[in-house]
């Protein structure tokens, strides 16, 4: 059931999971098996693919960055079936000129009647190409 208590539990889980998503895995029991995910560069359905995207984030974070952080600013109930998380990704690339990565975004999580997240949409404050341009700038 999608009660206030359930929404509070989901918010608590997201608050615990998101700040460390580049270092450790998240909790997948709060998502449906057919979770739909979309961000400016990816779009897919299914918990296997959802797990894979988080594994890929951790892998690339370790491979390409000397420092990387997911700064979680807020996680709150937007309405009875929506949770919004606002965040910033920042990092230092593993290149001699120590390029810095920085962008803000928010995640919109939609809940089904069982209180599970069935949709996760990420919105970024700039286009992917603008983010990639940061890789060539001196840190």
N, C-alpha and C. Protein backbone atom coordinates (compact mmCIF):
# COMPACT_ATOMS: atom_id res chain seq x y z
N UNK A 1 0.81 -1.19 0.00
CA UNK A 1 0.00 0.00 0.00
C UNK A 1 0.86 1.26 0.00
N UNK A 2 0.35 2.27 -0.68
CA UNK A 2 1.07 3.53 -0.79
C UNK A 2 0.63 4.47 0.33
N UNK A 3 1.07 4.19 1.50
CA UNK A 3 0.71 5.02 2.65
C UNK A 3 1.80 6.06 2.87
N UNK A 4 1.51 6.99 3.74
CA UNK A 4 2.51 8.00 4.13
C UNK A 4 3.75 7.32 4.69
N UNK A 5 3.54 6.23 5.46
CA UNK A 5 4.66 5.49 6.04
C UNK A 5 5.52 4.89 4.93
N UNK A 6 4.87 4.29 3.91
CA UNK A 6 5.61 3.68 2.80
C UNK A 6 6.41 4.73 2.04
N UNK A 7 5.82 5.88 1.78
CA UNK A 7 6.53 6.95 1.08
C UNK A 7 7.72 7.42 1.91
N UNK A 8 7.51 7.51 3.21
CA UNK A 8 8.61 7.90 4.11
C UNK A 8 9.75 6.86 4.04
N UNK A 9 9.40 5.57 4.00
CA UNK A 9 10.41 4.51 3.89
C UNK A 9 11.17 4.61 2.57
N UNK A 10 10.46 4.88 1.48
CA UNK A 10 11.10 5.03 0.18
C UNK A 10 12.07 6.21 0.20
N UNK A 11 11.63 7.33 0.76
CA UNK A 11 12.48 8.52 0.85
C UNK A 11 13.73 8.21 1.66
N UNK A 12 13.57 7.51 2.79
CA UNK A 12 14.72 7.14 3.62
C UNK A 12 15.70 6.26 2.86
N UNK A 13 15.19 5.27 2.13
CA UNK A 13 16.04 4.39 1.34
C UNK A 13 16.80 5.17 0.28
N UNK A 14 16.11 6.07 -0.44
CA UNK A 14 16.78 6.89 -1.46
C UNK A 14 17.83 7.80 -0.82
N UNK A 15 17.51 8.36 0.34
CA UNK A 15 18.48 9.23 1.04
C UNK A 15 19.73 8.45 1.44
N UNK A 16 19.58 7.17 1.75
CA UNK A 16 20.73 6.33 2.12
C UNK A 16 21.49 5.85 0.88
N UNK A 17 20.78 5.48 -0.17
CA UNK A 17 21.40 4.89 -1.37
C UNK A 17 22.11 5.90 -2.27
N UNK A 18 21.46 7.00 -2.56
CA UNK A 18 21.95 7.88 -3.61
C UNK A 18 23.32 8.52 -3.35
N UNK A 19 23.60 9.01 -2.14
CA UNK A 19 24.91 9.65 -1.94
C UNK A 19 26.11 8.73 -2.19
N UNK A 20 25.92 7.42 -2.09
CA UNK A 20 27.05 6.49 -2.25
C UNK A 20 26.93 5.63 -3.52
N UNK A 21 26.09 6.05 -4.47
CA UNK A 21 25.85 5.20 -5.64
C UNK A 21 27.08 4.98 -6.50
N UNK A 22 28.10 5.86 -6.40
CA UNK A 22 29.35 5.63 -7.14
C UNK A 22 30.28 4.66 -6.42
N UNK A 23 30.00 4.37 -5.15
CA UNK A 23 30.86 3.50 -4.36
C UNK A 23 30.26 2.13 -4.07
N UNK A 24 28.96 2.07 -3.88
CA UNK A 24 28.32 0.79 -3.54
C UNK A 24 26.95 0.70 -4.17
N UNK A 25 26.46 -0.51 -4.24
CA UNK A 25 25.18 -0.77 -4.90
C UNK A 25 24.02 -0.20 -4.10
N UNK A 26 22.92 0.02 -4.81
CA UNK A 26 21.71 0.55 -4.18
C UNK A 26 20.78 -0.60 -3.79
N UNK A 27 19.68 -0.26 -3.13
CA UNK A 27 18.67 -1.26 -2.73
C UNK A 27 17.64 -1.40 -3.85
N UNK A 28 17.53 -2.57 -4.40
CA UNK A 28 16.64 -2.78 -5.55
C UNK A 28 15.23 -3.24 -5.18
N UNK A 29 15.00 -3.56 -3.92
CA UNK A 29 13.68 -4.07 -3.53
C UNK A 29 12.59 -3.00 -3.58
N UNK A 30 12.96 -1.74 -3.71
CA UNK A 30 11.96 -0.66 -3.76
C UNK A 30 11.46 -0.39 -5.19
N UNK A 31 11.99 -1.15 -6.17
CA UNK A 31 11.64 -0.94 -7.57
C UNK A 31 10.86 -2.14 -8.12
N UNK A 32 10.00 -1.89 -9.10
CA UNK A 32 9.28 -2.98 -9.76
C UNK A 32 10.23 -3.73 -10.69
N UNK A 33 9.87 -4.95 -11.05
CA UNK A 33 10.69 -5.74 -11.97
C UNK A 33 10.77 -5.10 -13.35
N UNK A 34 9.72 -4.36 -13.73
CA UNK A 34 9.72 -3.73 -15.06
C UNK A 34 9.97 -2.22 -14.97
N UNK A 35 10.80 -1.80 -13.98
CA UNK A 35 11.14 -0.39 -13.80
C UNK A 35 11.54 0.25 -15.14
N UNK A 36 10.99 1.42 -15.42
CA UNK A 36 11.34 2.18 -16.62
C UNK A 36 12.30 3.29 -16.20
N UNK A 37 13.43 3.41 -16.92
CA UNK A 37 14.43 4.44 -16.62
C UNK A 37 14.70 5.26 -17.87
N UNK A 38 14.83 6.58 -17.66
CA UNK A 38 15.22 7.45 -18.77
C UNK A 38 16.07 8.60 -18.23
N UNK A 39 17.15 8.87 -18.91
CA UNK A 39 17.93 10.09 -18.67
C UNK A 39 18.28 10.63 -20.05
N UNK A 40 19.05 11.72 -20.15
CA UNK A 40 19.32 12.29 -21.48
C UNK A 40 20.11 11.38 -22.44
N UNK A 41 20.70 10.29 -21.96
CA UNK A 41 21.45 9.40 -22.86
C UNK A 41 20.98 7.94 -22.84
N UNK A 42 20.14 7.55 -21.92
CA UNK A 42 19.69 6.16 -21.79
C UNK A 42 18.18 6.09 -21.67
N UNK A 43 17.64 4.96 -22.13
CA UNK A 43 16.21 4.68 -21.96
C UNK A 43 16.04 3.18 -22.03
N UNK A 44 15.45 2.59 -20.99
CA UNK A 44 15.26 1.15 -20.98
C UNK A 44 14.23 0.77 -19.93
N UNK A 45 13.89 -0.52 -19.94
CA UNK A 45 12.94 -1.08 -19.00
C UNK A 45 13.53 -2.35 -18.40
N UNK A 46 13.20 -2.62 -17.15
CA UNK A 46 13.59 -3.87 -16.51
C UNK A 46 14.63 -3.70 -15.42
N UNK A 47 14.45 -4.48 -14.34
CA UNK A 47 15.35 -4.38 -13.19
C UNK A 47 16.77 -4.84 -13.52
N UNK A 48 16.92 -5.82 -14.41
CA UNK A 48 18.27 -6.24 -14.79
C UNK A 48 19.03 -5.07 -15.40
N UNK A 49 18.41 -4.36 -16.34
CA UNK A 49 19.05 -3.21 -16.97
C UNK A 49 19.28 -2.08 -15.97
N UNK A 50 18.37 -1.93 -15.03
CA UNK A 50 18.50 -0.91 -13.98
C UNK A 50 19.73 -1.22 -13.12
N UNK A 51 19.88 -2.48 -12.76
CA UNK A 51 21.07 -2.90 -11.99
C UNK A 51 22.33 -2.65 -12.80
N UNK A 52 22.27 -2.94 -14.08
CA UNK A 52 23.41 -2.78 -14.97
C UNK A 52 23.84 -1.32 -15.09
N UNK A 53 22.90 -0.40 -15.15
CA UNK A 53 23.26 1.02 -15.27
C UNK A 53 24.00 1.49 -14.01
N UNK A 54 23.59 1.02 -12.85
CA UNK A 54 24.28 1.42 -11.61
C UNK A 54 25.66 0.76 -11.51
N UNK A 55 25.77 -0.49 -11.97
CA UNK A 55 27.08 -1.14 -12.01
C UNK A 55 28.01 -0.36 -12.95
N UNK A 56 27.48 0.04 -14.11
CA UNK A 56 28.26 0.80 -15.09
C UNK A 56 28.71 2.14 -14.52
N UNK A 57 27.83 2.81 -13.79
CA UNK A 57 28.21 4.09 -13.16
C UNK A 57 29.38 3.89 -12.20
N UNK A 58 29.31 2.85 -11.38
CA UNK A 58 30.40 2.59 -10.42
C UNK A 58 31.69 2.23 -11.16
N UNK A 59 31.59 1.40 -12.19
CA UNK A 59 32.76 0.98 -12.96
C UNK A 59 33.43 2.19 -13.61
N UNK A 60 32.65 3.01 -14.30
CA UNK A 60 33.22 4.18 -14.97
C UNK A 60 33.73 5.22 -13.98
N UNK A 61 33.09 5.33 -12.83
CA UNK A 61 33.56 6.27 -11.81
C UNK A 61 34.97 5.89 -11.36
N UNK A 62 35.20 4.61 -11.13
CA UNK A 62 36.52 4.15 -10.68
C UNK A 62 37.56 4.25 -11.80
N UNK A 63 37.13 3.99 -13.02
CA UNK A 63 38.04 3.96 -14.16
C UNK A 63 38.46 5.36 -14.61
N UNK A 64 37.52 6.29 -14.68
CA UNK A 64 37.77 7.58 -15.31
C UNK A 64 37.95 8.76 -14.36
N UNK A 65 37.69 8.57 -13.07
CA UNK A 65 37.74 9.70 -12.14
C UNK A 65 38.67 9.43 -10.96
N UNK A 66 39.41 10.45 -10.53
CA UNK A 66 40.19 10.35 -9.30
C UNK A 66 39.29 10.70 -8.12
N UNK A 67 38.29 11.54 -8.36
CA UNK A 67 37.28 11.89 -7.35
C UNK A 67 35.94 11.98 -8.06
N UNK A 68 34.90 11.48 -7.42
CA UNK A 68 33.55 11.67 -7.95
C UNK A 68 32.56 11.60 -6.80
N UNK A 69 31.56 12.46 -6.88
CA UNK A 69 30.57 12.51 -5.80
C UNK A 69 29.18 12.74 -6.37
N UNK A 70 28.21 12.18 -5.68
CA UNK A 70 26.80 12.41 -5.97
C UNK A 70 26.26 13.13 -4.74
N UNK A 71 26.14 14.45 -4.84
CA UNK A 71 25.66 15.26 -3.71
C UNK A 71 24.14 15.32 -3.75
N UNK A 72 23.52 14.68 -2.80
CA UNK A 72 22.07 14.66 -2.71
C UNK A 72 21.61 15.88 -1.91
N UNK A 73 20.79 16.73 -2.52
CA UNK A 73 20.34 17.95 -1.85
C UNK A 73 19.01 17.76 -1.12
N UNK A 74 18.09 17.04 -1.77
CA UNK A 74 16.77 16.88 -1.18
C UNK A 74 16.08 15.67 -1.79
N UNK A 75 15.31 14.98 -0.98
CA UNK A 75 14.41 13.92 -1.46
C UNK A 75 13.09 14.18 -0.76
N UNK A 76 12.03 14.39 -1.54
CA UNK A 76 10.75 14.70 -0.90
C UNK A 76 9.58 14.24 -1.76
N UNK A 77 8.46 14.10 -1.09
CA UNK A 77 7.22 13.71 -1.76
C UNK A 77 6.71 14.91 -2.54
N UNK A 78 6.46 14.70 -3.83
CA UNK A 78 5.94 15.77 -4.68
C UNK A 78 4.42 15.74 -4.68
N UNK A 79 3.86 14.56 -4.86
CA UNK A 79 2.43 14.33 -4.66
C UNK A 79 2.25 12.87 -4.23
N UNK A 80 1.03 12.39 -4.18
CA UNK A 80 0.76 11.08 -3.59
C UNK A 80 1.46 9.91 -4.28
N UNK A 81 1.91 10.08 -5.54
CA UNK A 81 2.60 8.97 -6.21
C UNK A 81 3.92 9.39 -6.86
N UNK A 82 4.51 10.48 -6.38
CA UNK A 82 5.75 10.98 -6.97
C UNK A 82 6.72 11.46 -5.90
N UNK A 83 7.97 11.03 -6.04
CA UNK A 83 9.06 11.51 -5.18
C UNK A 83 10.09 12.18 -6.09
N UNK A 84 10.60 13.33 -5.64
CA UNK A 84 11.61 14.07 -6.41
C UNK A 84 12.89 14.14 -5.58
N UNK A 85 14.01 13.83 -6.22
CA UNK A 85 15.33 13.97 -5.58
C UNK A 85 16.13 14.98 -6.40
N UNK A 86 16.71 15.98 -5.73
CA UNK A 86 17.58 16.94 -6.41
C UNK A 86 19.02 16.66 -6.02
N UNK A 87 19.94 16.83 -6.98
CA UNK A 87 21.31 16.39 -6.76
C UNK A 87 22.30 17.11 -7.66
N UNK A 88 23.58 16.93 -7.34
CA UNK A 88 24.69 17.43 -8.14
C UNK A 88 25.71 16.29 -8.30
N UNK A 89 26.21 16.12 -9.51
CA UNK A 89 27.33 15.21 -9.75
C UNK A 89 28.55 16.08 -9.98
N UNK A 90 29.62 15.76 -9.27
CA UNK A 90 30.88 16.50 -9.45
C UNK A 90 32.04 15.53 -9.36
N UNK A 91 33.06 15.81 -10.13
CA UNK A 91 34.20 14.91 -10.12
C UNK A 91 35.43 15.52 -10.76
N UNK A 92 36.54 14.80 -10.62
CA UNK A 92 37.81 15.17 -11.25
C UNK A 92 38.23 13.99 -12.12
N UNK A 93 38.39 14.26 -13.40
CA UNK A 93 38.76 13.21 -14.34
C UNK A 93 40.21 12.79 -14.18
N UNK A 94 40.44 11.53 -14.48
CA UNK A 94 41.78 10.94 -14.40
C UNK A 94 42.56 11.29 -15.68
N UNK A 95 42.82 12.60 -15.87
CA UNK A 95 43.62 13.09 -16.99
C UNK A 95 44.66 14.06 -16.43
N UNK A 96 45.79 14.26 -17.14
CA UNK A 96 46.84 15.13 -16.60
C UNK A 96 46.37 16.55 -16.27
N UNK A 97 45.40 17.07 -17.00
CA UNK A 97 44.93 18.44 -16.76
C UNK A 97 43.81 18.50 -15.71
N UNK A 98 43.50 17.35 -15.11
CA UNK A 98 42.53 17.25 -14.01
C UNK A 98 41.22 18.00 -14.30
N UNK A 99 40.63 17.70 -15.43
CA UNK A 99 39.36 18.32 -15.80
C UNK A 99 38.31 18.01 -14.75
N UNK A 100 37.45 18.98 -14.52
CA UNK A 100 36.39 18.82 -13.53
C UNK A 100 35.05 18.61 -14.22
N UNK A 101 34.27 17.71 -13.66
CA UNK A 101 32.91 17.44 -14.13
C UNK A 101 31.95 18.02 -13.11
N UNK A 102 30.91 18.68 -13.59
CA UNK A 102 29.92 19.25 -12.67
C UNK A 102 28.61 19.44 -13.42
N UNK A 103 27.52 18.87 -12.87
CA UNK A 103 26.19 19.19 -13.38
C UNK A 103 25.16 18.87 -12.31
N UNK A 104 24.05 19.57 -12.40
CA UNK A 104 22.93 19.39 -11.47
C UNK A 104 21.81 18.65 -12.18
N UNK A 105 20.96 18.05 -11.38
CA UNK A 105 19.81 17.37 -11.95
C UNK A 105 18.79 17.03 -10.90
N UNK A 106 17.73 16.41 -11.37
CA UNK A 106 16.74 15.88 -10.44
C UNK A 106 16.17 14.58 -10.99
N UNK A 107 15.80 13.72 -10.07
CA UNK A 107 15.21 12.43 -10.41
C UNK A 107 13.75 12.44 -9.99
N UNK A 108 12.89 12.00 -10.89
CA UNK A 108 11.47 11.88 -10.61
C UNK A 108 11.14 10.39 -10.53
N UNK A 109 10.65 9.97 -9.36
CA UNK A 109 10.29 8.58 -9.12
C UNK A 109 8.77 8.48 -9.03
N UNK A 110 8.18 7.60 -9.83
CA UNK A 110 6.73 7.38 -9.81
C UNK A 110 6.45 6.06 -9.10
N UNK A 111 5.42 6.08 -8.25
CA UNK A 111 5.07 4.91 -7.44
C UNK A 111 3.79 4.25 -7.94
N UNK A 112 3.78 2.92 -7.89
CA UNK A 112 2.55 2.20 -8.23
C UNK A 112 1.68 2.06 -6.97
N UNK A 113 0.55 1.39 -7.10
CA UNK A 113 -0.38 1.26 -5.97
C UNK A 113 0.17 0.38 -4.85
N UNK A 114 1.19 -0.44 -5.17
CA UNK A 114 1.83 -1.27 -4.14
C UNK A 114 2.94 -0.52 -3.41
N UNK A 115 3.19 0.73 -3.79
CA UNK A 115 4.24 1.51 -3.14
C UNK A 115 5.63 1.18 -3.62
N UNK A 116 5.74 0.67 -4.85
CA UNK A 116 7.04 0.40 -5.46
C UNK A 116 7.29 1.43 -6.57
N UNK A 117 8.55 1.71 -6.82
CA UNK A 117 8.90 2.66 -7.87
C UNK A 117 8.88 1.94 -9.21
N UNK A 118 8.04 2.44 -10.14
CA UNK A 118 7.95 1.81 -11.46
C UNK A 118 8.56 2.68 -12.56
N UNK A 119 8.93 3.92 -12.21
CA UNK A 119 9.50 4.82 -13.21
C UNK A 119 10.51 5.75 -12.55
N UNK A 120 11.66 5.92 -13.19
CA UNK A 120 12.72 6.81 -12.71
C UNK A 120 13.19 7.62 -13.91
N UNK A 121 12.91 8.92 -13.89
CA UNK A 121 13.31 9.83 -14.97
C UNK A 121 14.31 10.83 -14.41
N UNK A 122 15.50 10.90 -15.02
CA UNK A 122 16.50 11.89 -14.63
C UNK A 122 16.50 13.05 -15.61
N UNK A 123 16.55 14.25 -15.06
CA UNK A 123 16.64 15.46 -15.85
C UNK A 123 17.92 16.19 -15.45
N UNK A 124 18.72 16.60 -16.44
CA UNK A 124 19.98 17.27 -16.17
C UNK A 124 19.86 18.75 -16.51
N UNK A 125 20.69 19.59 -15.89
CA UNK A 125 20.62 21.02 -16.13
C UNK A 125 21.36 21.46 -17.40
N UNK A 126 21.98 20.52 -18.10
CA UNK A 126 22.64 20.84 -19.36
C UNK A 126 22.63 19.62 -20.26
N UNK A 127 22.89 19.85 -21.53
CA UNK A 127 22.89 18.76 -22.51
C UNK A 127 24.13 17.87 -22.31
N UNK A 128 24.04 16.57 -22.69
CA UNK A 128 25.18 15.67 -22.56
C UNK A 128 26.45 16.21 -23.23
N UNK A 129 26.31 16.84 -24.39
CA UNK A 129 27.47 17.39 -25.09
C UNK A 129 28.17 18.48 -24.29
N UNK A 130 27.39 19.29 -23.57
CA UNK A 130 27.97 20.34 -22.73
C UNK A 130 28.73 19.72 -21.56
N UNK A 131 28.22 18.63 -21.03
CA UNK A 131 28.90 17.93 -19.94
C UNK A 131 30.22 17.34 -20.45
N UNK A 132 30.19 16.73 -21.63
CA UNK A 132 31.41 16.16 -22.22
C UNK A 132 32.47 17.22 -22.49
N UNK A 133 32.05 18.43 -22.84
CA UNK A 133 33.01 19.51 -23.10
C UNK A 133 33.85 19.81 -21.86
N UNK A 134 33.29 19.55 -20.68
CA UNK A 134 34.03 19.80 -19.44
C UNK A 134 35.29 18.93 -19.37
N UNK A 135 35.28 17.79 -20.07
CA UNK A 135 36.40 16.87 -20.01
C UNK A 135 37.67 17.46 -20.61
N UNK A 136 37.52 18.45 -21.48
CA UNK A 136 38.67 19.03 -22.18
C UNK A 136 39.15 20.33 -21.52
N UNK A 137 38.43 20.79 -20.52
CA UNK A 137 38.81 22.03 -19.84
C UNK A 137 39.76 21.73 -18.70
N UNK A 138 40.69 22.64 -18.50
CA UNK A 138 41.63 22.49 -17.40
C UNK A 138 40.92 22.61 -16.07
N UNK A 139 41.32 21.76 -15.11
CA UNK A 139 40.67 21.75 -13.80
C UNK A 139 40.92 22.97 -12.97
